[in-house]
Amino acid sequence: MRSTAALSYLTTLVLALALAGCGGAEPEQRAADRETAPRRETVFDPMTSTIGRAQGVQQTVDQQAAEQRRRLEEAER
């Protein structure tokens, strides 16, 4: 029973040290790295541009639907 407790404490200590050692760079350094790194093209760029175009089309459709609703409301009066 005693060795189980010791093993548990040892495991906790090792995990704590491992997590403490995995700390990243300082926040200022990470921000500077993001600003200086140029954007690289990825395989997902065509898909994300397609999403942007689809959102533009949806916005146009929504505007046309709102205009049609407004005309119908005017015609009903």
Protein backbone atom coordinates (compact mmCIF):
# COMPACT_ATOMS: atom_id res chain seq x y z
CA MET A 1 0.00 0.00 0.00
CA ARG A 2 2.86 2.32 0.86
CA SER A 3 4.59 1.83 -2.49
CA THR A 4 1.34 2.70 -4.30
CA ALA A 5 1.22 6.08 -2.54
CA ALA A 6 4.87 6.74 -3.33
CA LEU A 7 4.30 5.81 -6.95
CA SER A 8 1.30 8.12 -7.07
CA TYR A 9 3.32 11.05 -5.67
CA LEU A 10 6.18 10.32 -8.05
CA THR A 11 3.82 10.19 -11.02
CA THR A 12 2.23 13.48 -9.98
CA LEU A 13 5.66 15.09 -9.60
CA VAL A 14 6.82 13.87 -13.02
CA LEU A 15 3.64 15.12 -14.70
CA ALA A 16 3.91 18.50 -12.98
CA LEU A 17 7.51 18.91 -14.09
CA ALA A 18 6.66 17.84 -17.63
CA LEU A 19 3.84 20.37 -17.84
CA ALA A 20 5.99 23.13 -16.37
CA GLY A 21 8.72 22.35 -18.89
CA CYS A 22 6.29 22.58 -21.80
CA GLY A 23 5.68 26.29 -21.28
CA GLY A 24 5.84 28.29 -24.47
CA ALA A 25 7.66 31.48 -25.32
CA GLU A 26 6.82 34.79 -23.75
CA PRO A 27 3.58 36.38 -25.06
CA GLU A 28 5.46 39.33 -26.59
CA GLN A 29 7.72 36.96 -28.48
CA ARG A 30 4.76 34.92 -29.79
CA ALA A 31 3.04 38.10 -31.00
CA ALA A 32 6.23 39.24 -32.73
CA ASP A 33 6.57 35.85 -34.43
CA ARG A 34 3.03 36.08 -35.80
CA GLU A 35 3.62 39.58 -37.18
CA THR A 36 6.91 38.79 -38.90
CA ALA A 37 5.90 35.46 -40.43
CA PRO A 38 4.50 35.87 -43.94
CA ARG A 39 1.26 34.11 -44.73
CA ARG A 40 1.79 30.89 -46.60
CA GLU A 41 -0.69 29.41 -49.02
CA THR A 42 -2.28 26.20 -47.78
CA VAL A 43 -4.31 23.44 -49.36
CA PHE A 44 -7.40 24.87 -47.64
CA ASP A 45 -7.26 28.27 -49.38
CA PRO A 46 -9.51 27.24 -52.30
CA MET A 47 -12.13 25.98 -49.85
CA THR A 48 -12.03 29.10 -47.70
CA SER A 49 -12.32 31.35 -50.74
CA THR A 50 -15.34 29.31 -51.83
CA ILE A 51 -16.93 29.94 -48.44
CA GLY A 52 -16.32 33.67 -48.89
CA ARG A 53 -17.96 33.67 -52.30
CA ALA A 54 -20.92 31.69 -50.96
CA GLN A 55 -21.38 34.21 -48.16
CA GLY A 56 -21.38 37.01 -50.73
CA VAL A 57 -24.02 35.21 -52.79
CA GLN A 58 -26.14 34.62 -49.68
CA GLN A 59 -25.94 38.31 -48.82
CA THR A 60 -27.14 39.20 -52.33
CA VAL A 61 -30.02 36.71 -52.10
CA ASP A 62 -31.02 38.09 -48.70
CA GLN A 63 -31.04 41.64 -50.07
CA GLN A 64 -33.15 40.62 -53.04
CA ALA A 65 -35.60 38.76 -50.77
CA ALA A 66 -35.93 41.81 -48.51
CA GLU A 67 -36.56 44.02 -51.54
CA GLN A 68 -39.21 41.60 -52.85
CA ARG A 69 -40.92 41.50 -49.43
CA ARG A 70 -40.96 45.30 -49.34
CA ARG A 71 -42.55 45.44 -52.83
CA LEU A 72 -45.18 42.86 -51.85
CA GLU A 73 -46.06 44.82 -48.71
CA GLU A 74 -46.42 48.00 -50.76
CA ALA A 75 -48.62 46.20 -53.31
CA GLU A 76 -50.90 44.93 -50.54
CA ARG A 77 -51.63 48.44 -49.29
